[in-house]
Structures are given as structure tokens and as C-alpha cells.
Amino acid sequence: MNDVVLRRAKPADRGLLYLLHRTLYVEYAEQITPPALAPHFAWRDFEQVLRDDVDSLISRPQALVLLAERDDAPLGYITGHVEVEGRRLFARRGVIEEWCVLPEARGEGVGRMLYEALEELFRGAGCDVVESETWPFNTSARAAHGAMGFSEVKVRFEKRLES
């Protein structure tokens, strides 16, 4: 793992972030999403949605975007931001948005390295807690979260309304 380099993303990384974002939301999602649930995660013009997401990640000053690389080749990424809501007990929350390690780098600790680096940024920002979410059927992400000390605290339900 000594050869893995973590760094903050910069505007010149737009294409690389698009590749990683697409890997997470298209290729990986297609592998794990049960067909009956796929419509709940579908978007119109999804390629444009992905481009808009990446543009937002690059341009939002409050976005925290970390890349993992080896020999200048991408291994994965993690993104997040800080939310503040003074009325809550845990008023400053670090929120993980995306977190993906490319298939060829999984099992090497890259995901943990990315998470720990983002957690340090959250600590530096005075966060009280870190929040993350994943799809209920993403058993590998649920296991990874559990291995890093996360607890499941919320379940979200959806029901499709027929017209």
C-alpha cells in the first residue's frame, strides 16, 4: 500500500472523476441492482446527470474530493461535504456522498485509506459524526461500513404510485 497516493481532486481531474463516477453509478450499480428496483434509481439522460454531478464536485468550494492513485493510474475516489444544523445534538456532520474503489484495486485497503483521509478532513472541520448511505442491496458496502465502525441508523422506504 506504500505505492498508493491520495490527493485532493482539482479541476483538471474532471475526466478522471467522470470515469470513476460512471464506474460507481453505471457499471457497479448494474451488477448489484435487482432488476425490480432498477427503475427507482433511473434518471433521464443519465450521462448528462453524471457530467453535472462531476461539474458540481469540481466547482463547489465546500466539496471534499479525494482520489487514490498508483503510478498515476486511478484506484478510487471518495467525496463528501460538511453540513451544519445547530439544533441537532450532532450539529456538524461530515457527509460521504460517493465512495468507490475500482474492481482491480478492491481488497487492498484503498477504500479504507480514502475513508480515513476524508474522516481526518471532517475532524479538522469540527464534525461530530460522519454519515454515509448506500443501497440496501449493496452488501459489500454495508460490510465495509460495518468494518469501519459505522452503525445502520435509518431505513428509507419508497412506494411507486400508479396513475
N, C-alpha and C. Protein backbone atom coordinates (compact mmCIF):
# COMPACT_ATOMS: atom_id res chain seq x y z
N MET A 1 0.81 -1.20 0.00
CA MET A 1 0.00 0.00 0.00
C MET A 1 0.85 1.26 0.00
N ASN A 2 2.17 1.11 0.17
CA ASN A 2 3.05 2.28 0.18
C ASN A 2 3.03 3.02 -1.15
N ASP A 3 2.67 2.33 -2.22
CA ASP A 3 2.69 2.96 -3.53
C ASP A 3 1.38 3.67 -3.88
N VAL A 4 0.39 3.65 -2.99
CA VAL A 4 -0.88 4.34 -3.22
C VAL A 4 -0.73 5.79 -2.78
N VAL A 5 -1.12 6.69 -3.66
CA VAL A 5 -1.06 8.12 -3.38
C VAL A 5 -2.48 8.65 -3.28
N LEU A 6 -2.77 9.37 -2.19
CA LEU A 6 -4.05 10.04 -2.03
C LEU A 6 -3.83 11.53 -2.25
N ARG A 7 -4.78 12.17 -2.96
CA ARG A 7 -4.67 13.60 -3.18
C ARG A 7 -6.04 14.20 -3.39
N ARG A 8 -6.12 15.52 -3.18
CA ARG A 8 -7.36 16.26 -3.45
C ARG A 8 -7.52 16.39 -4.97
N ALA A 9 -8.73 16.26 -5.42
CA ALA A 9 -9.02 16.44 -6.85
C ALA A 9 -8.96 17.92 -7.20
N LYS A 10 -8.62 18.18 -8.44
CA LYS A 10 -8.56 19.56 -8.95
C LYS A 10 -9.35 19.62 -10.27
N PRO A 11 -9.63 20.81 -10.77
CA PRO A 11 -10.43 20.92 -11.99
C PRO A 11 -9.90 20.09 -13.17
N ALA A 12 -8.61 19.93 -13.26
CA ALA A 12 -8.04 19.14 -14.37
C ALA A 12 -8.41 17.66 -14.26
N ASP A 13 -8.95 17.22 -13.13
CA ASP A 13 -9.32 15.82 -12.92
C ASP A 13 -10.75 15.52 -13.37
N ARG A 14 -11.40 16.44 -14.02
CA ARG A 14 -12.80 16.27 -14.43
C ARG A 14 -13.02 14.94 -15.17
N GLY A 15 -12.21 14.63 -16.14
CA GLY A 15 -12.37 13.40 -16.90
C GLY A 15 -12.17 12.16 -16.05
N LEU A 16 -11.18 12.19 -15.19
CA LEU A 16 -10.92 11.07 -14.29
C LEU A 16 -12.09 10.87 -13.33
N LEU A 17 -12.61 11.96 -12.78
CA LEU A 17 -13.76 11.86 -11.88
C LEU A 17 -14.98 11.33 -12.61
N TYR A 18 -15.15 11.72 -13.86
CA TYR A 18 -16.28 11.20 -14.64
C TYR A 18 -16.15 9.68 -14.78
N LEU A 19 -14.96 9.20 -15.10
CA LEU A 19 -14.72 7.76 -15.23
C LEU A 19 -15.07 7.04 -13.92
N LEU A 20 -14.60 7.56 -12.80
CA LEU A 20 -14.86 6.92 -11.51
C LEU A 20 -16.34 7.00 -11.14
N HIS A 21 -16.95 8.15 -11.40
CA HIS A 21 -18.37 8.35 -11.09
C HIS A 21 -19.23 7.40 -11.93
N ARG A 22 -18.87 7.27 -13.19
CA ARG A 22 -19.61 6.37 -14.08
C ARG A 22 -19.43 4.92 -13.65
N THR A 23 -18.23 4.56 -13.23
CA THR A 23 -17.99 3.20 -12.75
C THR A 23 -18.92 2.87 -11.59
N LEU A 24 -19.05 3.82 -10.66
CA LEU A 24 -19.91 3.60 -9.49
C LEU A 24 -21.38 3.52 -9.88
N TYR A 25 -21.86 4.52 -10.61
CA TYR A 25 -23.29 4.65 -10.83
C TYR A 25 -23.83 3.92 -12.05
N VAL A 26 -22.97 3.42 -12.91
CA VAL A 26 -23.44 2.66 -14.06
C VAL A 26 -22.95 1.22 -13.97
N GLU A 27 -21.66 1.02 -14.08
CA GLU A 27 -21.14 -0.34 -14.14
C GLU A 27 -21.38 -1.12 -12.85
N TYR A 28 -20.99 -0.56 -11.71
CA TYR A 28 -21.18 -1.26 -10.45
C TYR A 28 -22.67 -1.38 -10.12
N ALA A 29 -23.40 -0.32 -10.30
CA ALA A 29 -24.84 -0.35 -9.99
C ALA A 29 -25.55 -1.41 -10.82
N GLU A 30 -25.19 -1.55 -12.08
CA GLU A 30 -25.83 -2.56 -12.93
C GLU A 30 -25.54 -3.97 -12.43
N GLN A 31 -24.37 -4.17 -11.85
CA GLN A 31 -24.00 -5.50 -11.35
C GLN A 31 -24.79 -5.89 -10.11
N ILE A 32 -25.11 -4.92 -9.24
CA ILE A 32 -25.69 -5.28 -7.95
C ILE A 32 -27.17 -4.95 -7.80
N THR A 33 -27.73 -4.11 -8.67
CA THR A 33 -29.12 -3.68 -8.51
C THR A 33 -30.09 -4.77 -8.96
N PRO A 34 -30.98 -5.19 -8.08
CA PRO A 34 -32.01 -6.14 -8.52
C PRO A 34 -32.87 -5.50 -9.60
N PRO A 35 -33.17 -6.23 -10.66
CA PRO A 35 -33.93 -5.64 -11.77
C PRO A 35 -35.23 -4.95 -11.35
N ALA A 36 -35.93 -5.49 -10.37
CA ALA A 36 -37.19 -4.89 -9.94
C ALA A 36 -36.98 -3.52 -9.30
N LEU A 37 -35.79 -3.25 -8.78
CA LEU A 37 -35.51 -1.96 -8.14
C LEU A 37 -34.85 -0.96 -9.08
N ALA A 38 -34.38 -1.40 -10.21
CA ALA A 38 -33.65 -0.52 -11.13
C ALA A 38 -34.41 0.77 -11.47
N PRO A 39 -35.73 0.73 -11.70
CA PRO A 39 -36.43 1.98 -12.01
C PRO A 39 -36.36 3.03 -10.90
N HIS A 40 -36.18 2.60 -9.66
CA HIS A 40 -36.10 3.55 -8.54
C HIS A 40 -34.80 4.37 -8.57
N PHE A 41 -33.83 3.90 -9.32
CA PHE A 41 -32.54 4.56 -9.39
C PHE A 41 -32.24 5.10 -10.78
N ALA A 42 -33.25 5.11 -11.64
CA ALA A 42 -33.06 5.53 -13.03
C ALA A 42 -33.27 7.04 -13.18
N TRP A 43 -32.54 7.62 -14.13
CA TRP A 43 -32.62 9.04 -14.45
C TRP A 43 -32.82 9.20 -15.94
N ARG A 44 -33.43 10.30 -16.33
CA ARG A 44 -33.48 10.65 -17.74
C ARG A 44 -32.14 11.27 -18.10
N ASP A 45 -31.61 10.94 -19.26
CA ASP A 45 -30.32 11.47 -19.74
C ASP A 45 -29.25 11.33 -18.66
N PHE A 46 -29.01 10.10 -18.26
CA PHE A 46 -28.11 9.84 -17.15
C PHE A 46 -26.68 10.29 -17.42
N GLU A 47 -26.23 10.24 -18.65
CA GLU A 47 -24.87 10.71 -18.95
C GLU A 47 -24.73 12.19 -18.60
N GLN A 48 -25.78 12.98 -18.89
CA GLN A 48 -25.74 14.40 -18.53
C GLN A 48 -25.79 14.57 -17.00
N VAL A 49 -26.55 13.74 -16.33
CA VAL A 49 -26.60 13.78 -14.87
C VAL A 49 -25.21 13.52 -14.29
N LEU A 50 -24.52 12.52 -14.83
CA LEU A 50 -23.17 12.22 -14.36
C LEU A 50 -22.22 13.40 -14.59
N ARG A 51 -22.30 14.00 -15.78
CA ARG A 51 -21.45 15.17 -16.08
C ARG A 51 -21.76 16.32 -15.13
N ASP A 52 -23.04 16.56 -14.88
CA ASP A 52 -23.43 17.63 -13.96
C ASP A 52 -22.92 17.35 -12.55
N ASP A 53 -23.02 16.10 -12.11
CA ASP A 53 -22.50 15.73 -10.79
C ASP A 53 -21.02 16.04 -10.68
N VAL A 54 -20.26 15.65 -11.69
CA VAL A 54 -18.81 15.87 -11.67
C VAL A 54 -18.51 17.36 -11.70
N ASP A 55 -19.22 18.11 -12.53
CA ASP A 55 -19.01 19.57 -12.56
C ASP A 55 -19.28 20.18 -11.20
N SER A 56 -20.30 19.71 -10.52
CA SER A 56 -20.62 20.22 -9.18
C SER A 56 -19.51 19.86 -8.19
N LEU A 57 -19.01 18.64 -8.27
CA LEU A 57 -17.93 18.24 -7.38
C LEU A 57 -16.70 19.12 -7.57
N ILE A 58 -16.40 19.43 -8.81
CA ILE A 58 -15.20 20.22 -9.12
C ILE A 58 -15.39 21.69 -8.73
N SER A 59 -16.60 22.20 -8.87
CA SER A 59 -16.79 23.64 -8.69
C SER A 59 -17.24 24.06 -7.29
N ARG A 60 -17.87 23.18 -6.53
CA ARG A 60 -18.35 23.56 -5.20
C ARG A 60 -17.18 23.69 -4.23
N PRO A 61 -16.96 24.86 -3.67
CA PRO A 61 -15.83 25.04 -2.75
C PRO A 61 -15.92 24.14 -1.52
N GLN A 62 -17.13 23.82 -1.07
CA GLN A 62 -17.28 23.01 0.12
C GLN A 62 -17.15 21.51 -0.14
N ALA A 63 -17.07 21.10 -1.40
CA ALA A 63 -16.94 19.68 -1.73
C ALA A 63 -15.53 19.19 -1.40
N LEU A 64 -15.49 18.05 -0.77
CA LEU A 64 -14.22 17.38 -0.47
C LEU A 64 -14.12 16.18 -1.39
N VAL A 65 -13.14 16.16 -2.26
CA VAL A 65 -12.99 15.09 -3.24
C VAL A 65 -11.56 14.58 -3.17
N LEU A 66 -11.41 13.31 -2.82
CA LEU A 66 -10.10 12.69 -2.72
C LEU A 66 -9.98 11.57 -3.75
N LEU A 67 -8.82 11.49 -4.36
CA LEU A 67 -8.51 10.45 -5.34
C LEU A 67 -7.42 9.56 -4.80
N ALA A 68 -7.49 8.28 -5.13
CA ALA A 68 -6.43 7.33 -4.84
C ALA A 68 -5.85 6.89 -6.17
N GLU A 69 -4.51 6.91 -6.25
CA GLU A 69 -3.82 6.53 -7.49
C GLU A 69 -2.59 5.68 -7.18
N ARG A 70 -2.20 4.92 -8.16
CA ARG A 70 -0.94 4.18 -8.11
C ARG A 70 -0.29 4.37 -9.47
N ASP A 71 0.92 4.87 -9.48
CA ASP A 71 1.64 5.12 -10.73
C ASP A 71 0.78 5.95 -11.69
N ASP A 72 0.13 6.98 -11.16
CA ASP A 72 -0.74 7.89 -11.91
C ASP A 72 -1.98 7.23 -12.51
N ALA A 73 -2.27 5.99 -12.11
CA ALA A 73 -3.49 5.32 -12.57
C ALA A 73 -4.52 5.36 -11.44
N PRO A 74 -5.78 5.65 -11.77
CA PRO A 74 -6.80 5.77 -10.72
C PRO A 74 -7.11 4.42 -10.06
N LEU A 75 -7.36 4.49 -8.75
CA LEU A 75 -7.78 3.32 -7.99
C LEU A 75 -9.17 3.50 -7.40
N GLY A 76 -9.52 4.77 -7.08
CA GLY A 76 -10.82 5.03 -6.49
C GLY A 76 -10.95 6.47 -6.07
N TYR A 77 -12.11 6.78 -5.50
CA TYR A 77 -12.36 8.15 -5.02
C TYR A 77 -13.37 8.12 -3.89
N ILE A 78 -13.41 9.22 -3.15
CA ILE A 78 -14.41 9.44 -2.12
C ILE A 78 -14.74 10.92 -2.13
N THR A 79 -16.02 11.23 -1.94
CA THR A 79 -16.43 12.63 -1.91
C THR A 79 -17.30 12.86 -0.68
N GLY A 80 -17.31 14.10 -0.22
CA GLY A 80 -18.14 14.44 0.92
C GLY A 80 -18.23 15.94 1.11
N HIS A 81 -18.96 16.33 2.13
CA HIS A 81 -19.12 17.73 2.50
C HIS A 81 -19.53 17.79 3.96
N VAL A 82 -19.46 18.98 4.53
CA VAL A 82 -19.85 19.21 5.91
C VAL A 82 -21.21 19.90 5.92
N GLU A 83 -22.10 19.40 6.76
CA GLU A 83 -23.40 20.03 6.97
C GLU A 83 -23.48 20.49 8.41
N VAL A 84 -24.07 21.66 8.61
CA VAL A 84 -24.23 22.21 9.96
C VAL A 84 -25.71 22.50 10.20
N GLU A 85 -26.22 21.94 11.27
CA GLU A 85 -27.60 22.20 11.69
C GLU A 85 -27.56 22.35 13.20
N GLY A 86 -27.53 23.60 13.66
CA GLY A 86 -27.29 23.92 15.06
C GLY A 86 -28.27 23.33 16.05
N ARG A 87 -29.45 22.98 15.63
CA ARG A 87 -30.44 22.44 16.56
C ARG A 87 -30.22 20.96 16.86
N ARG A 88 -29.41 20.30 16.06
CA ARG A 88 -29.16 18.87 16.29
C ARG A 88 -28.10 18.68 17.35
N LEU A 89 -28.16 17.55 18.03
CA LEU A 89 -27.14 17.22 19.02
C LEU A 89 -25.78 17.11 18.35
N PHE A 90 -25.72 16.39 17.24
CA PHE A 90 -24.51 16.32 16.43
C PHE A 90 -24.65 17.39 15.35
N ALA A 91 -24.29 18.62 15.70
CA ALA A 91 -24.57 19.78 14.85
C ALA A 91 -23.73 19.81 13.58
N ARG A 92 -22.49 19.34 13.65
CA ARG A 92 -21.62 19.35 12.46
C ARG A 92 -21.44 17.92 12.01
N ARG A 93 -21.92 17.66 10.78
CA ARG A 93 -21.87 16.31 10.25
C ARG A 93 -21.03 16.26 8.98
N GLY A 94 -20.13 15.31 8.94
CA GLY A 94 -19.42 15.03 7.70
C GLY A 94 -20.27 14.03 6.93
N VAL A 95 -20.61 14.36 5.70
CA VAL A 95 -21.49 13.51 4.90
C VAL A 95 -20.71 12.96 3.71
N ILE A 96 -20.61 11.65 3.65
CA ILE A 96 -19.98 11.00 2.49
C ILE A 96 -21.02 10.94 1.38
N GLU A 97 -20.61 11.37 0.20
CA GLU A 97 -21.52 11.36 -0.94
C GLU A 97 -21.26 10.14 -1.83
N GLU A 98 -20.06 9.99 -2.33
CA GLU A 98 -19.70 8.86 -3.17
C GLU A 98 -18.42 8.23 -2.63
N TRP A 99 -18.31 6.93 -2.87
CA TRP A 99 -17.12 6.22 -2.39
C TRP A 99 -17.00 4.97 -3.24
N CYS A 100 -15.97 4.91 -4.03
CA CYS A 100 -15.84 3.79 -4.96
C CYS A 100 -14.37 3.45 -5.17
N VAL A 101 -14.08 2.17 -5.14
CA VAL A 101 -12.76 1.65 -5.49
C VAL A 101 -12.95 0.79 -6.74
N LEU A 102 -12.10 0.99 -7.73
CA LEU A 102 -12.21 0.21 -8.96
C LEU A 102 -12.02 -1.27 -8.66
N PRO A 103 -12.70 -2.14 -9.40
CA PRO A 103 -12.67 -3.58 -9.11
C PRO A 103 -11.25 -4.16 -8.97
N GLU A 104 -10.34 -3.72 -9.80
CA GLU A 104 -8.98 -4.28 -9.77
C GLU A 104 -8.20 -3.88 -8.52
N ALA A 105 -8.68 -2.90 -7.76
CA ALA A 105 -7.98 -2.45 -6.56
C ALA A 105 -8.72 -2.82 -5.27
N ARG A 106 -9.85 -3.49 -5.39
CA ARG A 106 -10.62 -3.85 -4.19
C ARG A 106 -9.88 -4.91 -3.39
N GLY A 107 -10.06 -4.85 -2.09
CA GLY A 107 -9.42 -5.82 -1.20
C GLY A 107 -8.00 -5.45 -0.81
N GLU A 108 -7.53 -4.29 -1.24
CA GLU A 108 -6.16 -3.86 -0.95
C GLU A 108 -6.11 -2.78 0.14
N GLY A 109 -7.25 -2.38 0.67
CA GLY A 109 -7.27 -1.34 1.69
C GLY A 109 -7.39 0.06 1.14
N VAL A 110 -7.60 0.21 -0.16
CA VAL A 110 -7.71 1.53 -0.77
C VAL A 110 -8.94 2.27 -0.24
N GLY A 111 -10.06 1.57 -0.14
CA GLY A 111 -11.28 2.19 0.36
C GLY A 111 -11.11 2.70 1.78
N ARG A 112 -10.45 1.92 2.61
CA ARG A 112 -10.19 2.34 3.99
C ARG A 112 -9.28 3.57 4.01
N MET A 113 -8.26 3.58 3.16
CA MET A 113 -7.36 4.74 3.10
C MET A 113 -8.13 6.00 2.72
N LEU A 114 -8.98 5.88 1.71
CA LEU A 114 -9.77 7.03 1.28
C LEU A 114 -10.68 7.50 2.41
N TYR A 115 -11.37 6.55 3.04
CA TYR A 115 -12.27 6.93 4.13
C TYR A 115 -11.50 7.61 5.27
N GLU A 116 -10.40 7.03 5.70
CA GLU A 116 -9.66 7.60 6.83
C GLU A 116 -9.14 9.00 6.52
N ALA A 117 -8.75 9.24 5.27
CA ALA A 117 -8.30 10.58 4.90
C ALA A 117 -9.46 11.57 4.93
N LEU A 118 -10.62 11.16 4.45
CA LEU A 118 -11.80 12.03 4.49
C LEU A 118 -12.23 12.26 5.94
N GLU A 119 -12.17 11.23 6.76
CA GLU A 119 -12.53 11.39 8.17
C GLU A 119 -11.63 12.43 8.85
N GLU A 120 -10.37 12.43 8.51
CA GLU A 120 -9.46 13.44 9.09
C GLU A 120 -9.86 14.85 8.66
N LEU A 121 -10.28 15.01 7.41
CA LEU A 121 -10.77 16.32 6.97
C LEU A 121 -12.01 16.73 7.75
N PHE A 122 -12.91 15.76 7.97
CA PHE A 122 -14.11 16.04 8.76
C PHE A 122 -13.74 16.41 10.20
N ARG A 123 -12.80 15.70 10.78
CA ARG A 123 -12.35 16.03 12.15
C ARG A 123 -11.79 17.45 12.18
N GLY A 124 -10.98 17.78 11.19
CA GLY A 124 -10.40 19.12 11.11
C GLY A 124 -11.44 20.21 10.96
N ALA A 125 -12.60 19.85 10.40
CA ALA A 125 -13.70 20.80 10.23
C ALA A 125 -14.61 20.83 11.46
N GLY A 126 -14.24 20.10 12.51
CA GLY A 126 -15.02 20.11 13.74
C GLY A 126 -16.27 19.25 13.72
N CYS A 127 -16.31 18.26 12.84
CA CYS A 127 -17.51 17.40 12.76
C CYS A 127 -17.64 16.51 13.98
N ASP A 128 -18.89 16.26 14.36
CA ASP A 128 -19.21 15.40 15.49
C ASP A 128 -19.46 13.96 15.06
N VAL A 129 -19.86 13.77 13.82
CA VAL A 129 -20.27 12.46 13.33
C VAL A 129 -20.05 12.41 11.82
N VAL A 130 -19.91 11.21 11.28
CA VAL A 130 -19.83 11.00 9.83
C VAL A 130 -21.06 10.21 9.42
N GLU A 131 -21.72 10.67 8.37
CA GLU A 131 -22.88 9.97 7.83
C GLU A 131 -22.56 9.47 6.43
N SER A 132 -23.10 8.33 6.12
CA SER A 132 -22.93 7.73 4.80
C SER A 132 -24.17 6.92 4.51
N GLU A 133 -24.43 6.68 3.25
CA GLU A 133 -25.56 5.82 2.90
C GLU A 133 -25.18 4.97 1.71
N THR A 134 -25.89 3.88 1.56
CA THR A 134 -25.70 3.01 0.41
C THR A 134 -27.03 2.35 0.09
N TRP A 135 -27.08 1.69 -1.02
CA TRP A 135 -28.28 0.96 -1.41
C TRP A 135 -28.44 -0.24 -0.47
N PRO A 136 -29.65 -0.61 -0.12
CA PRO A 136 -29.86 -1.71 0.84
C PRO A 136 -29.33 -3.05 0.32
N PHE A 137 -29.26 -3.21 -0.97
CA PHE A 137 -28.79 -4.46 -1.56
C PHE A 137 -27.28 -4.48 -1.78
N ASN A 138 -26.59 -3.40 -1.43
CA ASN A 138 -25.14 -3.32 -1.62
C ASN A 138 -24.45 -3.94 -0.40
N THR A 139 -24.42 -5.25 -0.38
CA THR A 139 -23.91 -5.97 0.80
C THR A 139 -22.43 -5.71 1.04
N SER A 140 -21.65 -5.53 0.00
CA SER A 140 -20.22 -5.27 0.21
C SER A 140 -20.00 -3.90 0.85
N ALA A 141 -20.76 -2.89 0.43
CA ALA A 141 -20.63 -1.56 1.04
C ALA A 141 -21.11 -1.59 2.48
N ARG A 142 -22.18 -2.32 2.74
CA ARG A 142 -22.68 -2.42 4.11
C ARG A 142 -21.64 -3.08 5.01
N ALA A 143 -20.99 -4.11 4.50
CA ALA A 143 -19.95 -4.79 5.28
C ALA A 143 -18.75 -3.87 5.51
N ALA A 144 -18.36 -3.13 4.47
CA ALA A 144 -17.23 -2.20 4.61
C ALA A 144 -17.52 -1.13 5.65
N HIS A 145 -18.73 -0.60 5.63
CA HIS A 145 -19.11 0.40 6.62
C HIS A 145 -19.04 -0.20 8.03
N GLY A 146 -19.59 -1.37 8.18
CA GLY A 146 -19.57 -2.03 9.48
C GLY A 146 -18.16 -2.28 9.98
N ALA A 147 -17.27 -2.67 9.07
CA ALA A 147 -15.87 -2.94 9.44
C ALA A 147 -15.15 -1.67 9.91
N MET A 148 -15.66 -0.51 9.53
CA MET A 148 -15.03 0.75 9.93
C MET A 148 -15.78 1.44 11.07
N GLY A 149 -16.69 0.70 11.71
CA GLY A 149 -17.34 1.22 12.90
C GLY A 149 -18.66 1.93 12.70
N PHE A 150 -19.20 1.95 11.48
CA PHE A 150 -20.48 2.58 11.23
C PHE A 150 -21.61 1.70 11.77
N SER A 151 -22.70 2.32 12.17
CA SER A 151 -23.93 1.64 12.56
C SER A 151 -25.03 2.06 11.61
N GLU A 152 -25.90 1.12 11.27
CA GLU A 152 -27.07 1.48 10.46
C GLU A 152 -28.07 2.17 11.38
N VAL A 153 -28.49 3.39 11.00
CA VAL A 153 -29.37 4.16 11.86
C VAL A 153 -30.68 4.57 11.19
N LYS A 154 -30.83 4.30 9.91
CA LYS A 154 -32.02 4.77 9.20
C LYS A 154 -32.30 3.84 8.04
N VAL A 155 -33.57 3.60 7.78
CA VAL A 155 -34.01 2.83 6.62
C VAL A 155 -34.99 3.71 5.87
N ARG A 156 -34.84 3.79 4.57
CA ARG A 156 -35.71 4.63 3.74
C ARG A 156 -36.62 3.72 2.92
N PHE A 157 -37.88 4.08 2.85
CA PHE A 157 -38.86 3.31 2.09
C PHE A 157 -39.35 4.12 0.91
N GLU A 158 -39.69 3.43 -0.19
CA GLU A 158 -40.30 4.06 -1.35
C GLU A 158 -41.46 3.17 -1.82
N LYS A 159 -42.46 3.80 -2.33
CA LYS A 159 -43.57 3.08 -2.94
C LYS A 159 -43.92 3.80 -4.23
N ARG A 160 -43.96 3.07 -5.31
CA ARG A 160 -44.32 3.68 -6.59
C ARG A 160 -45.82 3.84 -6.66
N LEU A 161 -46.24 5.04 -7.05
CA LEU A 161 -47.66 5.32 -7.21
C LEU A 161 -48.05 5.12 -8.67
N GLU A 162 -49.02 4.30 -8.86
CA GLU A 162 -49.54 4.05 -10.22
C GLU A 162 -50.60 5.10 -10.53
N SER A 163 -50.60 5.58 -11.78
CA SER A 163 -51.61 6.59 -12.12
C SER A 163 -52.89 5.97 -12.58
